[in-house]
C-alpha atoms as a PDB file:
ATOM      1  CA  MET A   1      55.417  79.988 123.071  1.00  0.00           C
ATOM      2  CA  ASN A   2      57.096  79.269 119.750  1.00  0.00           C
ATOM      3  CA  ASP A   3      55.703  81.778 117.885  1.00  0.00           C
ATOM      4  CA  THR A   4      56.448  84.363 120.479  1.00  0.00           C
ATOM      5  CA  GLY A   5      60.173  82.987 120.575  1.00  0.00           C
ATOM      6  CA  ASN A   6      60.540  83.331 116.567  1.00  0.00           C
ATOM      7  CA  LYS A   7      59.431  86.868 116.823  1.00  0.00           C
ATOM      8  CA  GLN A   8      61.458  87.568 119.296  1.00  0.00           C
ATOM      9  CA  LYS A   9      64.386  86.478 117.584  1.00  0.00           C
ATOM     10  CA  ILE A  10      63.502  87.776 114.246  1.00  0.00           C
ATOM     11  CA  LEU A  11      63.177  91.575 116.066  1.00  0.00           C
ATOM     12  CA  ARG A  12      66.783  90.837 117.524  1.00  0.00           C
ATOM     13  CA  LEU A  13      68.237  89.921 114.121  1.00  0.00           C
ATOM     14  CA  LEU A  14      66.239  93.430 112.893  1.00  0.00           C
ATOM     15  CA  GLU A  15      67.916  94.999 115.583  1.00  0.00           C
ATOM     16  CA  ILE A  16      71.316  93.903 115.252  1.00  0.00           C
ATOM     17  CA  THR A  17      71.131  94.404 111.474  1.00  0.00           C
ATOM     18  CA  ALA A  18      69.604  98.490 111.539  1.00  0.00           C
ATOM     19  CA  GLY A  19      72.617  98.461 114.452  1.00  0.00           C
ATOM     20  CA  ALA A  20      75.060  97.234 112.178  1.00  0.00           C
ATOM     21  CA  PHE A  21      73.462  99.236 109.104  1.00  0.00           C
ATOM     22  CA  GLY A  22      73.485 102.345 111.372  1.00  0.00           C
ATOM     23  CA  LEU A  23      77.693 101.710 112.139  1.00  0.00           C
ATOM     24  CA  PHE A  24      77.969 101.328 108.464  1.00  0.00           C
ATOM     25  CA  VAL A  25      76.815 103.893 107.186  1.00  0.00           C
ATOM     26  CA  ALA A  26      78.014 106.305 110.080  1.00  0.00           C
ATOM     27  CA  PHE A  27      81.297 106.001 109.563  1.00  0.00           C
ATOM     28  CA  GLY A  28      80.865 106.133 105.526  1.00  0.00           C
ATOM     29  CA  TRP A  29      79.379 109.341 106.910  1.00  0.00           C
ATOM     30  CA  SER A  30      82.170 110.676 109.200  1.00  0.00           C
ATOM     31  CA  PHE A  31      84.497 110.443 106.529  1.00  0.00           C
ATOM     32  CA  PHE A  32      82.698 111.968 104.653  1.00  0.00           C
ATOM     33  CA  ASP A  33      81.969 115.138 106.694  1.00  0.00           C
ATOM     34  CA  MET A  34      85.371 115.752 108.046  1.00  0.00           C
ATOM     35  CA  LEU A  35      87.035 115.997 104.427  1.00  0.00           C
ATOM     36  CA  VAL A  36      83.870 117.190 101.686  1.00  0.00           C
ATOM     37  CA  ARG A  37      81.735 118.577 103.864  1.00  0.00           C
ATOM     38  CA  CYS A  38      82.567 122.446 105.198  1.00  0.00           C
ATOM     39  CA  LYS A  39      80.424 124.954 106.887  1.00  0.00           C
ATOM     40  CA  GLY A  40      82.773 127.671 107.208  1.00  0.00           C
ATOM     41  CA  LYS A  41      85.682 129.449 108.975  1.00  0.00           C
ATOM     42  CA  LYS A  42      83.733 128.584 112.589  1.00  0.00           C
ATOM     43  CA  ARG A  43      83.667 124.819 112.108  1.00  0.00           C
ATOM     44  CA  GLN A  44      87.443 124.674 110.798  1.00  0.00           C
ATOM     45  CA  LYS A  45      88.490 126.418 113.863  1.00  0.00           C
ATOM     46  CA  LYS A  46      86.690 124.123 116.240  1.00  0.00           C
ATOM     47  CA  ARG A  47      88.483 120.796 114.573  1.00  0.00           C
ATOM     48  CA  LYS A  48      91.725 121.619 116.516  1.00  0.00           C
ATOM     49  CA  TRP A  49      91.505 117.947 117.093  1.00  0.00           C
ATOM     50  CA  PHE A  50      91.866 116.779 113.587  1.00  0.00           C
ATOM     51  CA  GLN A  51      95.990 118.001 113.863  1.00  0.00           C
ATOM     52  CA  LEU A  52      97.540 115.065 112.373  1.00  0.00           C
ATOM     53  CA  SER A  53     101.090 114.593 112.167  1.00  0.00           C
ATOM     54  CA  HIS A  54     100.791 114.426 108.124  1.00  0.00           C
ATOM     55  CA  ILE A  55      99.382 118.118 107.969  1.00  0.00           C
ATOM     56  CA  LYS A  56     101.385 119.963 110.400  1.00  0.00           C
ATOM     57  CA  LYS A  57     104.809 118.189 108.751  1.00  0.00           C
ATOM     58  CA  ASN A  58     103.448 118.930 104.759  1.00  0.00           C
ATOM     59  CA  HIS A  59     102.498 122.405 105.749  1.00  0.00           C
ATOM     60  CA  PRO A  60     105.839 124.866 105.329  1.00  0.00           C
ATOM     61  CA  ARG A  61     104.856 126.283 108.285  1.00  0.00           C
ATOM     62  CA  ASP A  62     106.634 123.041 109.614  1.00  0.00           C
ATOM     63  CA  LYS A  63     110.436 124.605 108.101  1.00  0.00           C
ATOM     64  CA  TYR A  64     109.577 127.573 106.605  1.00  0.00           C
ATOM     65  CA  GLU A  65     107.318 129.406 108.872  1.00  0.00           C
ATOM     66  CA  LYS A  66     109.354 133.252 108.528  1.00  0.00           C
ATOM     67  CA  GLU A  67     108.851 132.809 104.688  1.00  0.00           C
ATOM     68  CA  TYR A  68     105.655 131.764 105.014  1.00  0.00           C
ATOM     69  CA  GLU A  69     104.301 134.779 107.517  1.00  0.00           C
ATOM     70  CA  GLU A  70     106.570 137.380 105.273  1.00  0.00           C
ATOM     71  CA  GLY A  71     104.841 136.393 102.490  1.00  0.00           C
ATOM     72  CA  LYS A  72     100.969 136.314 103.567  1.00  0.00           C
ATOM     73  CA  LEU A  73     101.734 139.426 105.321  1.00  0.00           C
ATOM     74  CA  TRP A  74     103.085 141.252 101.889  1.00  0.00           C
ATOM     75  CA  CYS A  75      99.788 139.720 100.079  1.00  0.00           C
ATOM     76  CA  ALA A  76      97.649 141.266 102.835  1.00  0.00           C
ATOM     77  CA  GLU A  77      99.505 144.658 102.390  1.00  0.00           C
ATOM     78  CA  GLN A  78      98.770 145.219  98.793  1.00  0.00           C
ATOM     79  CA  GLN A  79      95.719 146.843  97.452  1.00  0.00           C
ATOM     80  CA  MET A  80      93.508 144.376  95.582  1.00  0.00           C
ATOM     81  CA  LYS A  81      90.621 144.682  93.957  1.00  0.00           C
ATOM     82  CA  ASP A  82      87.352 142.152  94.311  1.00  0.00           C
ATOM     83  CA  CYS A  83      86.001 139.948  91.911  1.00  0.00           C
ATOM     84  CA  PHE A  84      83.504 137.651  91.723  1.00  0.00           C
ATOM     85  CA  ILE A  85      81.308 135.289  89.650  1.00  0.00           C
ATOM     86  CA  ARG A  86      78.449 132.874  89.667  1.00  0.00           C
ATOM     87  CA  SER A  87      79.728 129.414  89.172  1.00  0.00           C
ATOM     88  CA  ARG A  88      77.605 126.610  87.036  1.00  0.00           C
ATOM     89  CA  ASP A  89      75.625 125.270  90.074  1.00  0.00           C
ATOM     90  CA  GLY A  90      74.641 129.026  91.184  1.00  0.00           C
ATOM     91  CA  LEU A  91      77.556 129.866  93.811  1.00  0.00           C
ATOM     92  CA  TYR A  92      79.197 133.414  94.047  1.00  0.00           C
ATOM     93  CA  LEU A  93      82.297 132.457  94.038  1.00  0.00           C
ATOM     94  CA  HIS A  94      85.279 135.060  95.262  1.00  0.00           C
ATOM     95  CA  ALA A  95      88.635 136.099  93.859  1.00  0.00           C
ATOM     96  CA  TYR A  96      91.144 139.052  95.080  1.00  0.00           C
ATOM     97  CA  TYR A  97      93.002 140.717  91.585  1.00  0.00           C
ATOM     98  CA  LEU A  98      96.261 142.205  91.774  1.00  0.00           C
ATOM     99  CA  PRO A  99      97.396 144.108  88.883  1.00  0.00           C
ATOM    100  CA  THR A 100     101.052 144.906  88.108  1.00  0.00           C
ATOM    101  CA  LYS A 101     103.031 147.464  86.029  1.00  0.00           C
ATOM    102  CA  GLU A 102     103.741 147.018  82.329  1.00  0.00           C
ATOM    103  CA  ALA A 103     102.359 143.488  82.970  1.00  0.00           C
ATOM    104  CA  LYS A 104     103.531 141.104  80.232  1.00  0.00           C
ATOM    105  CA  ARG A 105     100.451 137.807  81.450  1.00  0.00           C
ATOM    106  CA  PHE A 106      97.756 137.239  84.040  1.00  0.00           C
ATOM    107  CA  VAL A 107      98.227 133.964  86.399  1.00  0.00           C
ATOM    108  CA  LEU A 108      95.371 132.355  87.812  1.00  0.00           C
ATOM    109  CA  LEU A 109      96.430 131.081  90.929  1.00  0.00           C
ATOM    110  CA  SER A 110      94.226 128.218  92.226  1.00  0.00           C
ATOM    111  CA  HIS A 111      94.870 127.183  95.798  1.00  0.00           C
ATOM    112  CA  GLY A 112      94.933 123.747  97.487  1.00  0.00           C
ATOM    113  CA  TYR A 113      92.091 121.939 100.063  1.00  0.00           C
ATOM    114  CA  LYS A 114      90.736 124.141 102.387  1.00  0.00           C
ATOM    115  CA  GLY A 115      93.690 126.567 101.610  1.00  0.00           C
ATOM    116  CA  SER A 116      93.550 130.410 101.052  1.00  0.00           C
ATOM    117  CA  GLY A 117      95.842 132.010  97.679  1.00  0.00           C
ATOM    118  CA  PHE A 118      97.265 134.458 100.426  1.00  0.00           C
ATOM    119  CA  GLY A 119      98.567 131.368 102.491  1.00  0.00           C
ATOM    120  CA  ASP A 120      99.366 128.143  99.307  1.00  0.00           C
ATOM    121  CA  PHE A 121     100.853 131.476  96.921  1.00  0.00           C
ATOM    122  CA  ALA A 122     102.947 133.027  99.882  1.00  0.00           C
ATOM    123  CA  TYR A 123     105.955 132.495  99.364  1.00  0.00           C
ATOM    124  CA  THR A 124     105.800 132.982  95.323  1.00  0.00           C
ATOM    125  CA  ALA A 125     102.761 135.685  94.693  1.00  0.00           C
ATOM    126  CA  ARG A 126     105.642 138.369  95.494  1.00  0.00           C
ATOM    127  CA  PHE A 127     108.331 137.052  93.073  1.00  0.00           C
ATOM    128  CA  LEU A 128     105.524 137.005  90.373  1.00  0.00           C
ATOM    129  CA  HIS A 129     104.287 140.316  91.092  1.00  0.00           C
ATOM    130  CA  GLU A 130     107.874 142.113  90.570  1.00  0.00           C
ATOM    131  CA  ASN A 131     108.375 139.510  87.298  1.00  0.00           C
ATOM    132  CA  ALA A 132     105.127 141.479  85.608  1.00  0.00           C
ATOM    133  CA  CYS A 133     102.588 139.119  86.271  1.00  0.00           C
ATOM    134  CA  ASN A 134      98.885 140.044  86.826  1.00  0.00           C
ATOM    135  CA  LEU A 135      97.760 138.193  89.325  1.00  0.00           C
ATOM    136  CA  LEU A 136      93.552 136.527  89.854  1.00  0.00           C
ATOM    137  CA  PHE A 137      94.575 134.737  93.424  1.00  0.00           C
ATOM    138  CA  ILE A 138      91.052 132.516  93.497  1.00  0.00           C
ATOM    139  CA  ASP A 139      89.135 131.871  96.684  1.00  0.00           C
ATOM    140  CA  GLN A 140      87.724 128.274  95.721  1.00  0.00           C
ATOM    141  CA  ARG A 141      84.220 127.240  96.925  1.00  0.00           C
ATOM    142  CA  CYS A 142      83.812 126.954 100.785  1.00  0.00           C
ATOM    143  CA  CYS A 143      87.364 128.841 100.769  1.00  0.00           C
ATOM    144  CA  GLY A 144      87.209 132.509 101.740  1.00  0.00           C
ATOM    145  CA  LEU A 145      84.344 134.581 100.654  1.00  0.00           C
ATOM    146  CA  SER A 146      83.659 132.258  98.106  1.00  0.00           C
ATOM    147  CA  GLU A 147      80.015 130.230  98.952  1.00  0.00           C
ATOM    148  CA  GLY A 148      79.745 126.423  98.912  1.00  0.00           C
ATOM    149  CA  GLU A 149      79.156 123.675 101.029  1.00  0.00           C
ATOM    150  CA  TYR A 150      81.206 120.989  99.736  1.00  0.00           C
ATOM    151  CA  ILE A 151      84.568 120.642  99.065  1.00  0.00           C
ATOM    152  CA  THR A 152      84.518 118.030  95.589  1.00  0.00           C
ATOM    153  CA  PHE A 153      88.357 117.864  95.352  1.00  0.00           C
ATOM    154  CA  GLY A 154      88.171 119.005  91.429  1.00  0.00           C
ATOM    155  CA  ALA A 155      84.488 118.169  90.397  1.00  0.00           C
ATOM    156  CA  LYS A 156      83.398 121.040  90.529  1.00  0.00           C
ATOM    157  CA  GLU A 157      86.161 123.240  90.525  1.00  0.00           C
ATOM    158  CA  GLN A 158      87.175 122.567  87.704  1.00  0.00           C
ATOM    159  CA  TRP A 159      84.433 124.237  86.321  1.00  0.00           C
ATOM    160  CA  ASP A 160      84.977 127.172  88.353  1.00  0.00           C
ATOM    161  CA  VAL A 161      88.715 127.647  87.331  1.00  0.00           C
ATOM    162  CA  GLN A 162      87.136 127.503  83.598  1.00  0.00           C
ATOM    163  CA  GLN A 163      84.642 130.397  84.148  1.00  0.00           C
ATOM    164  CA  TRP A 164      87.355 132.598  86.425  1.00  0.00           C
ATOM    165  CA  SER A 165      90.020 131.985  82.840  1.00  0.00           C
ATOM    166  CA  TYR A 166      87.339 133.311  80.875  1.00  0.00           C
ATOM    167  CA  TYR A 167      86.559 136.069  83.620  1.00  0.00           C
ATOM    168  CA  ILE A 168      90.475 137.441  82.682  1.00  0.00           C
ATOM    169  CA  ALA A 169      90.136 136.601  78.938  1.00  0.00           C
ATOM    170  CA  ALA A 170      86.717 138.727  79.207  1.00  0.00           C
ATOM    171  CA  ARG A 171      89.032 141.771  80.540  1.00  0.00           C
ATOM    172  CA  ASN A 172      92.632 141.081  78.941  1.00  0.00           C
ATOM    173  CA  ARG A 173      92.306 143.636  76.160  1.00  0.00           C
ATOM    174  CA  GLU A 174      95.430 143.110  75.239  1.00  0.00           C
ATOM    175  CA  LYS A 175      95.642 139.731  74.818  1.00  0.00           C
ATOM    176  CA  LEU A 176      98.437 138.784  77.241  1.00  0.00           C
ATOM    177  CA  PRO A 177      99.087 135.713  78.139  1.00  0.00           C
ATOM    178  CA  ILE A 178      97.078 133.560  80.796  1.00  0.00           C
ATOM    179  CA  TYR A 179      98.665 130.650  82.461  1.00  0.00           C
ATOM    180  CA  LEU A 180      96.836 128.436  85.170  1.00  0.00           C
ATOM    181  CA  TYR A 181      98.634 128.352  88.342  1.00  0.00           C
ATOM    182  CA  GLY A 182      97.738 125.175  91.431  1.00  0.00           C
ATOM    183  CA  GLU A 183      98.849 123.639  93.732  1.00  0.00           C
ATOM    184  CA  SER A 184      97.508 120.523  95.481  1.00  0.00           C
ATOM    185  CA  MET A 185      93.875 120.336  95.189  1.00  0.00           C
ATOM    186  CA  GLY A 186      93.786 123.559  93.028  1.00  0.00           C
ATOM    187  CA  ALA A 187      96.442 121.883  90.752  1.00  0.00           C
ATOM    188  CA  ALA A 188      93.984 118.932  89.910  1.00  0.00           C
ATOM    189  CA  ALA A 189      91.603 121.479  89.202  1.00  0.00           C
ATOM    190  CA  VAL A 190      93.625 123.288  87.103  1.00  0.00           C
ATOM    191  CA  LEU A 191      94.468 119.814  85.361  1.00  0.00           C
ATOM    192  CA  MET A 192      91.093 118.763  85.169  1.00  0.00           C
ATOM    193  CA  ALA A 193      90.377 122.508  83.833  1.00  0.00           C
ATOM    194  CA  SER A 194      92.492 121.733  81.027  1.00  0.00           C
ATOM    195  CA  GLY A 195      90.272 119.111  78.940  1.00  0.00           C
ATOM    196  CA  HIS A 196      87.648 121.925  78.568  1.00  0.00           C
ATOM    197  CA  LYS A 197      87.270 124.932  76.269  1.00  0.00           C
ATOM    198  CA  LEU A 198      89.240 127.510  77.487  1.00  0.00           C
ATOM    199  CA  PRO A 199      90.395 130.818  76.432  1.00  0.00           C
ATOM    200  CA  GLU A 200      93.037 130.661  73.798  1.00  0.00           C
ATOM    201  CA  GLU A 201      95.032 133.243  75.408  1.00  0.00           C
ATOM    202  CA  VAL A 202      95.575 130.436  78.228  1.00  0.00           C
ATOM    203  CA  LYS A 203      99.288 129.725  77.219  1.00  0.00           C
ATOM    204  CA  GLY A 204     100.440 127.189  79.567  1.00  0.00           C
ATOM    205  CA  LEU A 205      99.714 125.263  83.190  1.00  0.00           C
ATOM    206  CA  ILE A 206     101.472 125.014  85.955  1.00  0.00           C
ATOM    207  CA  ALA A 207     100.657 122.330  88.672  1.00  0.00           C
ATOM    208  CA  ASP A 208     102.059 122.152  92.021  1.00  0.00           C
ATOM    209  CA  CYS A 209     101.607 118.849  93.861  1.00  0.00           C
ATOM    210  CA  GLY A 210      98.675 117.841  92.096  1.00  0.00           C
ATOM    211  CA  PHE A 211      96.851 114.838  92.909  1.00  0.00           C
ATOM    212  CA  CYS A 212      95.541 112.551  89.842  1.00  0.00           C
ATOM    213  CA  SER A 213      91.907 111.594  91.172  1.00  0.00           C
ATOM    214  CA  MET A 214      89.470 112.358  94.694  1.00  0.00           C
ATOM    215  CA  LYS A 215      89.491 108.326  94.764  1.00  0.00           C
ATOM    216  CA  ARG A 216      93.352 108.057  94.876  1.00  0.00           C
ATOM    217  CA  GLN A 217      93.260 110.640  97.144  1.00  0.00           C
ATOM    218  CA  LEU A 218      90.857 109.414  99.445  1.00  0.00           C
ATOM    219  CA  GLN A 219      92.621 105.890  99.090  1.00  0.00           C
ATOM    220  CA  ASP A 220      96.226 107.117 100.414  1.00  0.00           C
ATOM    221  CA  ILE A 221      94.742 109.525 103.373  1.00  0.00           C
ATOM    222  CA  ALA A 222      93.055 106.501 104.722  1.00  0.00           C
ATOM    223  CA  ALA A 223      96.253 104.338 104.548  1.00  0.00           C
ATOM    224  CA  ASN A 224      99.029 106.898 105.323  1.00  0.00           C
ATOM    225  CA  TRP A 225      96.764 108.847 107.373  1.00  0.00           C
ATOM    226  CA  PHE A 226      94.532 106.183 109.797  1.00  0.00           C
ATOM    227  CA  HIS A 227      96.310 102.336 108.239  1.00  0.00           C
ATOM    228  CA  LEU A 228      93.166 101.281 107.299  1.00  0.00           C
ATOM    229  CA  GLY A 229      93.129  99.127 104.169  1.00  0.00           C
ATOM    230  CA  TRP A 230      90.809  98.049 102.206  1.00  0.00           C
ATOM    231  CA  VAL A 231      89.297 100.857 101.971  1.00  0.00           C
ATOM    232  CA  GLU A 232      86.425 100.293  98.691  1.00  0.00           C
ATOM    233  CA  LEU A 233      83.164  99.855 101.313  1.00  0.00           C
ATOM    234  CA  LEU A 234      84.435 102.719 102.701  1.00  0.00           C
ATOM    235  CA  LEU A 235      84.495 105.061  98.952  1.00  0.00           C
ATOM    236  CA  PHE A 236      81.425 103.367  98.292  1.00  0.00           C
ATOM    237  CA  ARG A 237      79.540 104.688 100.821  1.00  0.00           C
ATOM    238  CA  VAL A 238      81.414 108.238 100.466  1.00  0.00           C
ATOM    239  CA  ASP A 239      80.189 108.513  97.103  1.00  0.00           C
ATOM    240  CA  LEU A 240      76.672 107.737  97.753  1.00  0.00           C
ATOM    241  CA  PHE A 241      77.019 110.921 100.133  1.00  0.00           C
ATOM    242  CA  CYS A 242      78.942 112.716  97.820  1.00  0.00           C
ATOM    243  CA  ARG A 243      76.050 112.447  94.805  1.00  0.00           C
ATOM    244  CA  MET A 244      73.004 112.693  97.211  1.00  0.00           C
ATOM    245  CA  PHE A 245      74.320 115.719  99.126  1.00  0.00           C
ATOM    246  CA  GLY A 246      77.200 117.748  97.033  1.00  0.00           C
ATOM    247  CA  ARG A 247      75.737 116.486  93.555  1.00  0.00           C
ATOM    248  CA  PHE A 248      78.975 115.458  92.244  1.00  0.00           C
ATOM    249  CA  ARG A 249      80.426 111.954  91.861  1.00  0.00           C
ATOM    250  CA  MET A 250      83.944 110.784  92.939  1.00  0.00           C
ATOM    251  CA  SER A 251      84.896 110.235  89.247  1.00  0.00           C
ATOM    252  CA  ASP A 252      83.846 113.805  88.012  1.00  0.00           C
ATOM    253  CA  ALA A 253      87.343 114.555  90.174  1.00  0.00           C
ATOM    254  CA  ASP A 254      90.047 112.467  87.919  1.00  0.00           C
ATOM    255  CA  THR A 255      92.293 114.214  85.699  1.00  0.00           C
ATOM    256  CA  ILE A 256      93.071 111.240  83.380  1.00  0.00           C
ATOM    257  CA  GLU A 257      90.590 112.385  80.614  1.00  0.00           C
ATOM    258  CA  ALA A 258      92.083 115.770  80.212  1.00  0.00           C
ATOM    259  CA  MET A 259      95.733 114.780  80.818  1.00  0.00           C
ATOM    260  CA  LYS A 260      94.617 112.602  76.997  1.00  0.00           C
ATOM    261  CA  LYS A 261      92.677 116.242  75.510  1.00  0.00           C
ATOM    262  CA  ASN A 262      95.293 119.156  76.696  1.00  0.00           C
ATOM    263  CA  LYS A 263      97.642 120.676  74.273  1.00  0.00           C
ATOM    264  CA  ARG A 264      98.785 123.217  76.507  1.00  0.00           C
ATOM    265  CA  PRO A 265     102.487 122.850  78.001  1.00  0.00           C
ATOM    266  CA  VAL A 266     102.365 121.604  81.297  1.00  0.00           C
ATOM    267  CA  LEU A 267     105.044 122.862  84.044  1.00  0.00           C
ATOM    268  CA  PHE A 268     104.698 120.016  87.535  1.00  0.00           C
ATOM    269  CA  PHE A 269     106.491 120.538  90.422  1.00  0.00           C
ATOM    270  CA  HIS A 270     106.546 118.087  93.180  1.00  0.00           C
ATOM    271  CA  GLY A 271     107.932 117.691  96.718  1.00  0.00           C
ATOM    272  CA  GLU A 272     109.945 113.902  96.889  1.00  0.00           C
ATOM    273  CA  ALA A 273     109.172 113.881 100.794  1.00  0.00           C
ATOM    274  CA  ASP A 274     105.195 114.773 100.299  1.00  0.00           C
ATOM    275  CA  THR A 275     102.887 112.601 102.021  1.00  0.00           C
ATOM    276  CA  TYR A 276     100.061 114.389 102.014  1.00  0.00           C
ATOM    277  CA  VAL A 277      99.718 114.158  97.949  1.00  0.00           C
ATOM    278  CA  VAL A 278     102.659 111.319  97.182  1.00  0.00           C
ATOM    279  CA  PRO A 279     104.728 112.147  94.381  1.00  0.00           C
ATOM    280  CA  GLU A 280     103.566 109.812  92.560  1.00  0.00           C
ATOM    281  CA  ASN A 281     100.924 111.687  91.603  1.00  0.00           C
ATOM    282  CA  SER A 282     102.542 113.738  89.383  1.00  0.00           C
ATOM    283  CA  VAL A 283     104.393 110.941  87.955  1.00  0.00           C
ATOM    284  CA  TYR A 284     101.098 109.758  87.001  1.00  0.00           C
ATOM    285  CA  ASN A 285      99.597 113.277  85.454  1.00  0.00           C
ATOM    286  CA  TYR A 286     103.175 113.612  83.944  1.00  0.00           C
ATOM    287  CA  ALA A 287     102.822 110.174  82.011  1.00  0.00           C
ATOM    288  CA  LEU A 288      99.376 110.639  80.551  1.00  0.00           C
ATOM    289  CA  CYS A 289     100.065 114.174  79.806  1.00  0.00           C
ATOM    290  CA  SER A 290      99.959 114.567  75.812  1.00  0.00           C
ATOM    291  CA  ALA A 291     100.862 117.930  75.592  1.00  0.00           C
ATOM    292  CA  PRO A 292     104.424 119.966  75.842  1.00  0.00           C
ATOM    293  CA  LYS A 293     105.405 119.079  79.441  1.00  0.00           C
ATOM    294  CA  GLU A 294     108.491 118.931  81.936  1.00  0.00           C
ATOM    295  CA  LEU A 295     108.301 117.571  86.036  1.00  0.00           C
ATOM    296  CA  VAL A 296     110.965 118.823  88.236  1.00  0.00           C
ATOM    297  CA  ILE A 297     111.039 117.164  91.582  1.00  0.00           C
ATOM    298  CA  ILE A 298     112.442 118.794  94.597  1.00  0.00           C
ATOM    299  CA  PRO A 299     114.629 116.284  97.271  1.00  0.00           C
ATOM    300  CA  GLU A 300     113.568 116.443 100.469  1.00  0.00           C
ATOM    301  CA  ALA A 301     110.831 118.830  99.823  1.00  0.00           C
ATOM    302  CA  ARG A 302     106.500 118.035 101.431  1.00  0.00           C
ATOM    303  CA  HIS A 303     103.680 119.474 100.503  1.00  0.00           C
ATOM    304  CA  LEU A 304     103.990 122.947  98.813  1.00  0.00           C
ATOM    305  CA  CYS A 305     107.158 123.197 100.152  1.00  0.00           C
ATOM    306  CA  ALA A 306     109.419 123.352  96.496  1.00  0.00           C
ATOM    307  CA  PRO A 307     109.500 127.127  96.355  1.00  0.00           C
ATOM    308  CA  TYR A 308     111.462 127.327  99.771  1.00  0.00           C
ATOM    309  CA  ALA A 309     113.485 123.973  99.656  1.00  0.00           C
ATOM    310  CA  ALA A 310     114.580 124.950  96.299  1.00  0.00           C
ATOM    311  CA  PRO A 311     113.524 128.826  95.554  1.00  0.00           C
ATOM    312  CA  GLU A 312     116.477 129.455  93.108  1.00  0.00           C
ATOM    313  CA  LEU A 313     115.442 126.372  90.921  1.00  0.00           C
ATOM    314  CA  TYR A 314     111.939 126.772  91.299  1.00  0.00           C
ATOM    315  CA  ARG A 315     111.280 130.345  90.381  1.00  0.00           C
ATOM    316  CA  GLN A 316     113.976 129.765  86.898  1.00  0.00           C
ATOM    317  CA  LYS A 317     112.027 126.753  86.221  1.00  0.00           C
ATOM    318  CA  LEU A 318     108.905 129.567  86.199  1.00  0.00           C
ATOM    319  CA  LEU A 319     110.567 132.166  84.333  1.00  0.00           C
ATOM    320  CA  ASP A 320     111.869 129.922  81.831  1.00  0.00           C
ATOM    321  CA  PHE A 321     108.467 128.276  81.021  1.00  0.00           C
ATOM    322  CA  PHE A 322     106.800 132.429  80.570  1.00  0.00           C
ATOM    323  CA  GLU A 323     109.703 132.855  78.316  1.00  0.00           C
ATOM    324  CA  LYS A 324     109.388 129.495  76.137  1.00  0.00           C
ATOM    325  CA  TYR A 325     105.565 130.097  75.952  1.00  0.00           C
ATOM    326  CA  ASP A 326     104.403 133.711  75.933  1.00  0.00           C
ATOM    327  CA  ASN A 327     104.233 134.390  72.440  1.00  0.00           C
END
């Protein structure tokens, strides 16, 4: 009886341990599956339930729907050329190219998390195009017509940005200046790419609402969206799944080393009321940046809303930046 009782206790303990471990892994997988894993547009459309207030309020549609939709419509009406490259890890990546008459520069447009160039840059693209900029709207991996199953928060996107910059340089016969312009995760990817070798024609970087690392961004999401405090164990599990399935480490998505190495001028923008990527991220990146730099904080602007909230200031800063570094 004692042996039988002991066996039953051991089995019960094993069941409890296995259940606890299952819950431990499952919660980490859910977070990873929700934020990192991406199976395309059909899946995203089904996830209408994941529309938290932070996402709704931190989107230009919340306050500037008319301007946002007009910008998207203008982009959709343009005759653009499809461009493709193959990434370092074998994915076909897509971009739209829109030339302008009497161009003075090229601008690579790197959109944000699960976004699109026609959306994130909807309000600014026309202004850039009308001010002598050839535009390359890249589709980040997992987005638009680009392949991919995992969004890596800049860990791999930084190398994609680097490749697209060389794609432009190879077709830039007049050796016009090239600028890398990113918003949100696209801004983080641009900043990370600045730590690698880039074409000499790349004259500057523009980073709007960029975060400083995947780890910090997930910490902020966990705290601000889900009111979770200490999340180191959760992030440990997410990192484990990133390594196992996405073939990258969370630590690969970090701007620190790039900002120390980069020598190209950087124009930082951020909305003061941004609760999606908090403005302290740009303050941190600005402080780390060893190159010529300027930080423009737009009062009352939420995520990616700075061009809408202060259009004259925002556009003038862009033109001043181009004028200063074009030559």
